[in-house]
Amino acid sequence: MTYRVCFVCTGNICRSPMAESVFRARVAEAGLDGRVEVDSAGTGGWHEGDPADPRTVSVLEDNGYDSAHTARQFQTSWFERVDLVIALDTGHLKALRLLAPSPEDAAKVRLLRSYDPAAGDDLDVPDPYYGGRDGFEECLEMVEAASTGLLTAVREQVEGQAA
């Protein structure tokens, strides 16, 4: 059985494709390819069909990550096939929980930085879209820091499914 994780930000061209790429690399490094599926989406459809922001692509490629991406909007029907929905900020968290068709589906939605013990109370990944490259680099640092804890949590779920 495949465990499915979907990262969600606003337009699916900056934060969520970055998180998808980083986490997909972590999943591969952990030998969980084929057991964990990783994708991303946006709360809105403004950029549907577009590639990732060029700054996202540049930061990912400069750090050894895959940057292939096509933006799409998260759909309510996806809750039935997704095991974990990772919001990049509290606005996304609220929007996704409101979209969830059941309390069980709403419980699948978590904040990415909640998996980073060093994040403290500031669990939002700031939107780098209106800034320069440094905001995208900061976003990558936050995503990488949270990916370790997220991988641990997902591994526990995957190994629990196999039992």
Protein backbone atom coordinates (compact mmCIF):
# COMPACT_ATOMS: atom_id res chain seq x y z
CA MET A 1 0.00 0.00 0.00
CA THR A 2 1.32 3.43 -0.98
CA TYR A 3 1.37 6.24 1.59
CA ARG A 4 0.51 9.57 -0.07
CA VAL A 5 1.71 13.02 1.02
CA CYS A 6 0.59 16.26 -0.64
CA PHE A 7 2.21 19.64 0.12
CA VAL A 8 -0.05 22.68 -0.29
CA CYS A 9 0.65 26.41 -0.52
CA THR A 10 -1.29 29.21 -2.23
CA GLY A 11 -0.48 28.99 -5.95
CA ASN A 12 1.66 25.84 -6.10
CA ILE A 13 4.62 27.57 -7.74
CA CYS A 14 6.95 28.43 -4.81
CA ARG A 15 6.74 26.77 -1.40
CA SER A 16 4.81 23.57 -2.08
CA PRO A 17 6.79 22.48 -5.17
CA MET A 18 9.98 23.16 -3.18
CA ALA A 19 8.72 21.01 -0.30
CA GLU A 20 7.61 18.30 -2.74
CA SER A 21 11.04 18.16 -4.37
CA VAL A 22 12.96 18.12 -1.09
CA PHE A 23 10.72 15.51 0.52
CA ARG A 24 10.74 13.31 -2.58
CA ALA A 25 14.57 13.33 -2.36
CA ARG A 26 14.41 12.42 1.36
CA VAL A 27 12.00 9.56 0.61
CA ALA A 28 14.37 8.23 -2.07
CA GLU A 29 17.40 8.54 0.24
CA ALA A 30 15.48 6.56 2.90
CA GLY A 31 14.73 3.76 0.43
CA LEU A 32 10.99 4.39 0.59
CA ASP A 33 10.49 4.89 -3.17
CA GLY A 34 7.41 3.03 -4.27
CA ARG A 35 6.03 3.05 -0.73
CA VAL A 36 5.59 6.82 -0.40
CA GLU A 37 4.14 9.05 -3.11
CA VAL A 38 4.82 12.80 -2.90
CA ASP A 39 3.10 15.61 -4.78
CA SER A 40 1.88 19.17 -4.28
CA ALA A 41 -0.95 21.55 -5.06
CA GLY A 42 -2.26 25.04 -4.35
CA THR A 43 -5.29 26.25 -2.46
CA GLY A 44 -6.14 28.29 -5.56
CA GLY A 45 -5.93 27.62 -9.28
CA TRP A 46 -4.32 30.88 -10.43
CA HIS A 47 -1.18 29.17 -11.73
CA GLU A 48 -2.66 25.82 -12.79
CA GLY A 49 -0.58 24.35 -15.61
CA ASP A 50 2.37 26.68 -15.00
CA PRO A 51 5.87 25.53 -14.08
CA ALA A 52 7.41 26.44 -10.72
CA ASP A 53 8.60 30.01 -10.24
CA PRO A 54 12.05 30.44 -11.86
CA ARG A 55 13.51 31.39 -8.48
CA THR A 56 12.20 28.14 -6.97
CA VAL A 57 13.70 26.20 -9.88
CA SER A 58 17.05 27.97 -9.50
CA VAL A 59 17.31 27.40 -5.73
CA LEU A 60 16.28 23.75 -6.07
CA GLU A 61 18.73 23.04 -8.89
CA ASP A 62 21.58 24.89 -7.14
CA ASN A 63 21.05 22.59 -4.16
CA GLY A 64 20.86 19.34 -6.12
CA TYR A 65 17.08 18.86 -6.21
CA ASP A 66 14.79 18.00 -9.11
CA SER A 67 12.76 21.00 -10.27
CA ALA A 68 10.26 19.45 -12.69
CA HIS A 69 6.79 20.72 -11.74
CA THR A 70 3.36 21.68 -13.08
CA ALA A 71 1.05 23.67 -10.80
CA ARG A 72 -2.42 22.43 -9.92
CA GLN A 73 -5.18 23.16 -7.41
CA PHE A 74 -6.00 20.88 -4.48
CA GLN A 75 -9.41 19.24 -4.87
CA THR A 76 -11.75 18.13 -2.07
CA SER A 77 -11.99 14.67 -3.65
CA TRP A 78 -8.25 14.14 -3.06
CA PHE A 79 -8.80 13.71 0.67
CA GLU A 80 -9.99 10.14 0.11
CA ARG A 81 -6.69 9.12 -1.52
CA VAL A 82 -4.20 11.25 0.43
CA ASP A 83 -2.87 10.13 3.81
CA LEU A 84 -1.24 13.40 4.85
CA VAL A 85 -1.80 16.96 3.60
CA ILE A 86 1.03 19.30 4.55
CA ALA A 87 0.16 23.00 4.68
CA LEU A 88 2.96 25.53 4.36
CA ASP A 89 1.32 28.19 6.54
CA THR A 90 -1.63 28.64 8.90
CA GLY A 91 -3.78 30.22 6.18
CA HIS A 92 -3.42 27.07 4.08
CA LEU A 93 -4.07 24.92 7.15
CA LYS A 94 -7.37 26.70 7.82
CA ALA A 95 -8.45 26.64 4.16
CA LEU A 96 -7.68 22.93 3.81
CA ARG A 97 -9.44 21.98 7.03
CA LEU A 98 -12.54 23.89 5.88
CA LEU A 99 -12.36 22.06 2.54
CA ALA A 100 -12.14 18.67 4.25
CA PRO A 101 -15.37 16.67 3.90
CA SER A 102 -15.06 15.03 7.33
CA PRO A 103 -13.30 15.48 10.68
CA GLU A 104 -11.09 12.50 9.78
CA ASP A 105 -10.00 14.27 6.59
CA ALA A 106 -9.41 17.54 8.46
CA ALA A 107 -7.14 15.63 10.83
CA LYS A 108 -4.92 14.69 7.87
CA VAL A 109 -3.89 18.36 7.47
CA ARG A 110 -0.73 19.41 9.30
CA LEU A 111 1.71 22.31 9.19
CA LEU A 112 5.12 21.47 7.71
CA ARG A 113 7.13 23.29 10.36
CA SER A 114 5.34 21.38 13.13
CA TYR A 115 7.81 18.62 12.23
CA ASP A 116 10.79 20.88 13.04
CA PRO A 117 11.41 21.02 16.81
CA ALA A 118 13.60 24.12 16.34
CA ALA A 119 10.72 26.08 14.73
CA GLY A 120 9.23 27.05 18.09
CA ASP A 121 5.87 28.80 17.82
CA ASP A 122 6.47 30.28 14.34
CA LEU A 123 5.19 27.47 12.15
CA ASP A 124 4.60 29.41 8.92
CA VAL A 125 6.95 29.16 5.95
CA PRO A 126 6.88 32.77 4.66
CA ASP A 127 5.77 33.29 1.06
CA PRO A 128 8.90 34.25 -0.91
CA TYR A 129 6.99 35.22 -4.08
CA TYR A 130 7.18 39.01 -3.68
CA GLY A 131 10.81 39.09 -2.56
CA GLY A 132 14.21 38.18 -3.89
CA ARG A 133 16.19 34.98 -4.09
CA ASP A 134 17.13 35.14 -0.40
CA GLY A 135 13.49 34.45 0.53
CA PHE A 136 13.54 31.32 -1.60
CA GLU A 137 16.77 30.20 0.02
CA GLU A 138 15.24 30.78 3.48
CA CYS A 139 12.20 28.77 2.38
CA LEU A 140 14.47 25.90 1.33
CA GLU A 141 16.24 25.95 4.71
CA MET A 142 12.90 25.74 6.54
CA VAL A 143 11.66 22.95 4.27
CA GLU A 144 14.85 20.94 4.71
CA ALA A 145 14.79 21.37 8.49
CA ALA A 146 11.20 20.13 8.75
CA SER A 147 11.70 17.28 6.28
CA THR A 148 13.74 15.24 8.75
CA GLY A 149 10.94 15.09 11.32
CA LEU A 150 8.31 14.59 8.62
CA LEU A 151 10.27 11.66 7.19
CA THR A 152 10.42 10.07 10.64
CA ALA A 153 6.64 10.43 11.04
CA VAL A 154 5.91 9.09 7.55
CA ARG A 155 8.33 6.18 8.00
CA GLU A 156 6.46 5.20 11.20
CA GLN A 157 3.17 5.23 9.30
CA VAL A 158 4.57 3.24 6.36
CA GLU A 159 6.14 0.65 8.62
CA GLY A 160 2.87 0.48 10.58
CA GLN A 161 0.98 -0.27 7.34
CA ALA A 162 3.34 -3.14 6.58
CA ALA A 163 2.74 -4.74 9.99
